[in-house]
């Protein structure tokens, strides 16, 4: 079952994942998740575009505000870390689309 992210002012609700854009806080099943600023920025960027395919370059340039070509590897590392932190207990939030980019999805 796919759950659609619903936005309220400055808060993204994606199933049991809550991203508070005002307080820079992430909750998963009511528990706070500690993320680096870059991890948080990528998660918020993807979640705000739920269901859309986002390229690594776009994540680098728009999500992180960087333009260096070597940064594409950094995007991959941050996504891998985010998946490791968030995708437990059968949860799936970030779909990897081979050679194209990433898509934020919520499934329960």
N, C-alpha and C. Protein backbone atom coordinates (compact mmCIF):
# COMPACT_ATOMS: atom_id res chain seq x y z
N UNK A 1 0.84 -1.17 0.00
CA UNK A 1 0.00 0.00 0.00
C UNK A 1 0.89 1.24 0.00
N UNK A 2 0.64 2.16 -0.87
CA UNK A 2 1.41 3.39 -0.94
C UNK A 2 0.71 4.48 -0.15
N UNK A 3 1.49 5.20 0.65
CA UNK A 3 0.96 6.30 1.44
C UNK A 3 1.47 7.59 0.83
N UNK A 4 0.59 8.52 0.57
CA UNK A 4 0.96 9.79 -0.03
C UNK A 4 1.43 10.73 1.05
N UNK A 5 2.51 11.46 0.79
CA UNK A 5 2.99 12.46 1.73
C UNK A 5 2.03 13.64 1.73
N UNK A 6 1.67 14.07 2.91
CA UNK A 6 0.79 15.22 3.04
C UNK A 6 1.57 16.34 3.70
N UNK A 7 1.52 17.51 3.12
CA UNK A 7 2.26 18.64 3.67
C UNK A 7 1.32 19.56 4.43
N UNK A 8 1.72 19.90 5.63
CA UNK A 8 1.09 20.97 6.37
C UNK A 8 2.15 22.06 6.43
N UNK A 9 1.81 23.24 6.85
CA UNK A 9 2.83 24.28 6.84
C UNK A 9 4.11 23.84 7.56
N UNK A 10 5.17 23.72 6.81
CA UNK A 10 6.50 23.41 7.29
C UNK A 10 6.68 22.02 7.88
N UNK A 11 5.73 21.11 7.65
CA UNK A 11 5.87 19.73 8.12
C UNK A 11 5.43 18.77 7.01
N UNK A 12 6.26 17.79 6.71
CA UNK A 12 5.90 16.74 5.76
C UNK A 12 5.56 15.48 6.54
N UNK A 13 4.37 14.95 6.30
CA UNK A 13 3.93 13.70 6.93
C UNK A 13 3.93 12.62 5.86
N UNK A 14 4.77 11.62 6.02
CA UNK A 14 4.90 10.55 5.04
C UNK A 14 4.73 9.23 5.77
N UNK A 15 3.49 8.82 5.95
CA UNK A 15 3.25 7.63 6.76
C UNK A 15 3.70 7.90 8.18
N UNK A 16 4.55 7.03 8.73
CA UNK A 16 5.02 7.25 10.10
C UNK A 16 6.34 8.03 10.14
N UNK A 17 6.72 8.63 9.01
CA UNK A 17 7.88 9.50 8.94
C UNK A 17 7.39 10.95 8.91
N UNK A 18 7.90 11.76 9.82
CA UNK A 18 7.53 13.17 9.91
C UNK A 18 8.80 13.99 9.76
N UNK A 19 8.78 14.94 8.83
CA UNK A 19 9.91 15.83 8.60
C UNK A 19 9.44 17.24 8.92
N UNK A 20 9.96 17.78 10.02
CA UNK A 20 9.61 19.11 10.48
C UNK A 20 10.61 20.09 9.88
N UNK A 21 10.17 20.83 8.86
CA UNK A 21 11.06 21.72 8.13
C UNK A 21 11.41 22.98 8.91
N UNK A 22 10.60 23.32 9.89
CA UNK A 22 10.87 24.50 10.69
C UNK A 22 11.91 24.22 11.78
N UNK A 23 11.81 23.05 12.38
CA UNK A 23 12.71 22.70 13.48
C UNK A 23 13.87 21.81 13.05
N UNK A 24 13.95 21.50 11.76
CA UNK A 24 15.00 20.61 11.25
C UNK A 24 15.03 19.31 12.05
N UNK A 25 13.86 18.68 12.16
CA UNK A 25 13.72 17.48 12.98
C UNK A 25 13.02 16.40 12.17
N UNK A 26 13.45 15.15 12.38
CA UNK A 26 12.85 14.00 11.71
C UNK A 26 12.41 13.01 12.77
N UNK A 27 11.17 12.55 12.65
CA UNK A 27 10.64 11.54 13.56
C UNK A 27 10.22 10.33 12.74
N UNK A 28 10.54 9.16 13.22
CA UNK A 28 10.10 7.92 12.59
C UNK A 28 9.38 7.11 13.66
N UNK A 29 8.10 6.86 13.43
CA UNK A 29 7.26 6.16 14.40
C UNK A 29 7.32 6.86 15.75
N UNK A 30 7.33 8.20 15.72
CA UNK A 30 7.33 8.98 16.95
C UNK A 30 8.68 9.16 17.61
N UNK A 31 9.71 8.53 17.08
CA UNK A 31 11.05 8.63 17.68
C UNK A 31 11.92 9.56 16.85
N UNK A 32 12.68 10.43 17.51
CA UNK A 32 13.58 11.32 16.77
C UNK A 32 14.71 10.55 16.10
N UNK A 33 15.05 10.97 14.90
CA UNK A 33 16.14 10.37 14.13
C UNK A 33 17.22 11.44 13.98
N UNK A 34 18.42 11.13 14.43
CA UNK A 34 19.54 12.07 14.30
C UNK A 34 20.14 11.95 12.90
N UNK A 35 20.14 13.05 12.18
CA UNK A 35 20.71 13.09 10.83
C UNK A 35 21.66 14.26 10.71
N UNK A 36 22.69 14.09 9.89
CA UNK A 36 23.55 15.23 9.57
C UNK A 36 22.73 16.23 8.76
N UNK A 37 23.24 17.45 8.65
CA UNK A 37 22.51 18.45 7.87
C UNK A 37 22.34 18.00 6.42
N UNK A 38 23.37 17.41 5.83
CA UNK A 38 23.28 16.99 4.43
C UNK A 38 22.28 15.85 4.26
N UNK A 39 22.29 14.88 5.18
CA UNK A 39 21.30 13.80 5.12
C UNK A 39 19.89 14.39 5.22
N UNK A 40 19.71 15.30 6.16
CA UNK A 40 18.41 15.94 6.35
C UNK A 40 17.99 16.70 5.09
N UNK A 41 18.91 17.45 4.50
CA UNK A 41 18.60 18.24 3.31
C UNK A 41 18.16 17.35 2.16
N UNK A 42 18.86 16.24 1.94
CA UNK A 42 18.49 15.32 0.86
C UNK A 42 17.14 14.67 1.14
N UNK A 43 16.91 14.24 2.37
CA UNK A 43 15.63 13.63 2.72
C UNK A 43 14.48 14.60 2.51
N UNK A 44 14.62 15.81 2.99
CA UNK A 44 13.56 16.81 2.84
C UNK A 44 13.31 17.12 1.36
N UNK A 45 14.38 17.22 0.58
CA UNK A 45 14.24 17.51 -0.85
C UNK A 45 13.49 16.39 -1.56
N UNK A 46 13.87 15.14 -1.29
CA UNK A 46 13.20 14.00 -1.92
C UNK A 46 11.75 13.88 -1.47
N UNK A 47 11.51 14.02 -0.17
CA UNK A 47 10.15 13.86 0.36
C UNK A 47 9.22 14.93 -0.19
N UNK A 48 9.73 16.13 -0.39
CA UNK A 48 8.90 17.21 -0.94
C UNK A 48 8.51 16.92 -2.40
N UNK A 49 9.22 15.99 -3.03
CA UNK A 49 8.95 15.60 -4.42
C UNK A 49 8.53 14.14 -4.48
N UNK A 50 7.80 13.70 -3.49
CA UNK A 50 7.38 12.31 -3.36
C UNK A 50 6.82 11.76 -4.66
N UNK A 51 7.33 10.60 -5.07
CA UNK A 51 6.87 9.95 -6.29
C UNK A 51 7.60 10.37 -7.54
N UNK A 52 8.35 11.46 -7.48
CA UNK A 52 9.07 11.95 -8.66
C UNK A 52 10.48 11.36 -8.71
N UNK A 53 10.94 11.02 -9.88
CA UNK A 53 12.31 10.57 -10.07
C UNK A 53 13.21 11.81 -10.04
N UNK A 54 14.23 11.77 -9.17
CA UNK A 54 15.16 12.89 -9.03
C UNK A 54 16.56 12.37 -9.32
N UNK A 55 17.24 13.01 -10.26
CA UNK A 55 18.59 12.57 -10.64
C UNK A 55 19.60 12.90 -9.54
N UNK A 56 20.71 12.19 -9.55
CA UNK A 56 21.78 12.48 -8.59
C UNK A 56 22.28 13.91 -8.77
N UNK A 57 22.43 14.34 -10.02
CA UNK A 57 22.91 15.70 -10.27
C UNK A 57 21.96 16.73 -9.69
N UNK A 58 20.66 16.53 -9.87
CA UNK A 58 19.67 17.46 -9.32
C UNK A 58 19.72 17.46 -7.79
N UNK A 59 19.89 16.29 -7.18
CA UNK A 59 20.04 16.23 -5.73
C UNK A 59 21.27 16.99 -5.27
N UNK A 60 22.35 16.84 -6.01
CA UNK A 60 23.58 17.54 -5.66
C UNK A 60 23.40 19.05 -5.78
N UNK A 61 22.88 19.49 -6.91
CA UNK A 61 22.80 20.93 -7.18
C UNK A 61 21.67 21.63 -6.42
N UNK A 62 20.50 21.03 -6.40
CA UNK A 62 19.36 21.68 -5.76
C UNK A 62 19.18 21.24 -4.31
N UNK A 63 19.38 19.96 -4.05
CA UNK A 63 19.19 19.45 -2.69
C UNK A 63 20.29 19.88 -1.75
N UNK A 64 21.53 19.88 -2.25
CA UNK A 64 22.68 20.25 -1.41
C UNK A 64 23.28 21.60 -1.77
N UNK A 65 22.89 22.16 -2.92
CA UNK A 65 23.42 23.46 -3.32
C UNK A 65 24.88 23.41 -3.73
N UNK A 66 25.31 22.27 -4.28
CA UNK A 66 26.70 22.12 -4.71
C UNK A 66 26.75 21.86 -6.20
N UNK A 67 27.88 22.14 -6.81
CA UNK A 67 28.00 21.97 -8.26
C UNK A 67 29.25 21.20 -8.67
N UNK A 68 30.00 20.67 -7.72
CA UNK A 68 31.22 19.97 -8.10
C UNK A 68 30.91 18.56 -8.59
N UNK A 69 31.54 18.12 -9.69
CA UNK A 69 31.27 16.80 -10.26
C UNK A 69 31.57 15.66 -9.30
N UNK A 70 32.58 15.82 -8.44
CA UNK A 70 32.92 14.77 -7.49
C UNK A 70 31.85 14.58 -6.43
N UNK A 71 30.95 15.52 -6.34
CA UNK A 71 29.90 15.45 -5.34
C UNK A 71 28.85 14.39 -5.60
N UNK A 72 28.80 13.85 -6.83
CA UNK A 72 27.81 12.82 -7.14
C UNK A 72 28.02 11.59 -6.27
N UNK A 73 29.26 11.26 -5.99
CA UNK A 73 29.56 10.12 -5.12
C UNK A 73 29.08 10.41 -3.70
N UNK A 74 29.21 11.67 -3.29
CA UNK A 74 28.74 12.07 -1.96
C UNK A 74 27.23 11.87 -1.85
N UNK A 75 26.50 12.18 -2.90
CA UNK A 75 25.05 11.98 -2.90
C UNK A 75 24.75 10.50 -2.68
N UNK A 76 25.44 9.64 -3.39
CA UNK A 76 25.22 8.20 -3.24
C UNK A 76 25.49 7.75 -1.81
N UNK A 77 26.55 8.26 -1.20
CA UNK A 77 26.89 7.89 0.17
C UNK A 77 25.81 8.35 1.15
N UNK A 78 25.32 9.56 0.97
CA UNK A 78 24.27 10.07 1.87
C UNK A 78 22.97 9.28 1.69
N UNK A 79 22.63 8.94 0.47
CA UNK A 79 21.42 8.14 0.24
C UNK A 79 21.57 6.77 0.88
N UNK A 80 22.72 6.16 0.73
CA UNK A 80 22.97 4.85 1.34
C UNK A 80 22.82 4.94 2.87
N UNK A 81 23.35 6.00 3.44
CA UNK A 81 23.22 6.19 4.89
C UNK A 81 21.76 6.39 5.30
N UNK A 82 21.05 7.23 4.57
CA UNK A 82 19.63 7.47 4.86
C UNK A 82 18.82 6.18 4.81
N UNK A 83 19.06 5.39 3.79
CA UNK A 83 18.34 4.12 3.66
C UNK A 83 18.64 3.22 4.85
N UNK A 84 19.89 3.20 5.29
CA UNK A 84 20.26 2.38 6.44
C UNK A 84 19.60 2.82 7.73
N UNK A 85 19.43 4.11 7.89
CA UNK A 85 18.82 4.65 9.10
C UNK A 85 17.30 4.52 9.09
N UNK A 86 16.69 4.79 7.95
CA UNK A 86 15.23 4.85 7.87
C UNK A 86 14.54 3.54 7.51
N UNK A 87 15.20 2.72 6.74
CA UNK A 87 14.51 1.56 6.15
C UNK A 87 14.76 0.30 6.97
N UNK A 88 14.09 0.26 8.10
CA UNK A 88 14.14 -0.90 8.99
C UNK A 88 12.72 -1.40 9.19
N UNK A 89 12.60 -2.59 9.68
CA UNK A 89 11.28 -3.16 9.97
C UNK A 89 10.39 -3.19 8.74
N UNK A 90 10.98 -3.45 7.57
CA UNK A 90 10.21 -3.57 6.34
C UNK A 90 9.80 -2.25 5.71
N UNK A 91 10.26 -1.15 6.26
CA UNK A 91 9.92 0.16 5.68
C UNK A 91 10.76 0.42 4.43
N UNK A 92 10.21 1.18 3.52
CA UNK A 92 10.93 1.58 2.32
C UNK A 92 10.55 3.02 2.01
N UNK A 93 11.54 3.90 1.94
CA UNK A 93 11.26 5.30 1.66
C UNK A 93 11.96 5.80 0.39
N UNK A 94 13.14 5.28 0.10
CA UNK A 94 13.91 5.78 -1.03
C UNK A 94 14.17 4.64 -2.00
N UNK A 95 13.61 4.79 -3.19
CA UNK A 95 13.80 3.79 -4.24
C UNK A 95 14.97 4.22 -5.12
N UNK A 96 15.89 3.30 -5.35
CA UNK A 96 17.03 3.56 -6.23
C UNK A 96 16.62 3.12 -7.64
N UNK A 97 16.68 4.04 -8.58
CA UNK A 97 16.36 3.74 -9.98
C UNK A 97 17.70 3.72 -10.72
N UNK A 98 18.14 2.52 -11.05
CA UNK A 98 19.48 2.33 -11.61
C UNK A 98 19.81 3.32 -12.72
N UNK A 99 20.98 3.93 -12.59
CA UNK A 99 21.53 4.86 -13.59
C UNK A 99 20.65 6.07 -13.86
N UNK A 100 19.63 6.30 -13.03
CA UNK A 100 18.77 7.45 -13.25
C UNK A 100 18.68 8.36 -12.04
N UNK A 101 18.54 7.79 -10.84
CA UNK A 101 18.42 8.62 -9.66
C UNK A 101 17.64 7.92 -8.57
N UNK A 102 16.84 8.71 -7.87
CA UNK A 102 16.12 8.21 -6.70
C UNK A 102 14.68 8.73 -6.70
N UNK A 103 13.83 7.96 -6.04
CA UNK A 103 12.42 8.34 -5.92
C UNK A 103 12.01 8.10 -4.47
N UNK A 104 11.38 9.10 -3.86
CA UNK A 104 10.88 8.96 -2.49
C UNK A 104 9.50 8.31 -2.57
N UNK A 105 9.35 7.23 -1.85
CA UNK A 105 8.07 6.52 -1.78
C UNK A 105 7.84 6.10 -0.34
N UNK A 106 6.60 6.00 0.06
CA UNK A 106 6.30 5.46 1.39
C UNK A 106 5.37 4.29 1.19
N UNK A 107 5.74 3.19 1.79
CA UNK A 107 4.94 1.98 1.70
C UNK A 107 4.81 1.40 3.09
N UNK A 108 3.63 0.88 3.39
CA UNK A 108 3.41 0.19 4.67
C UNK A 108 2.91 -1.20 4.40
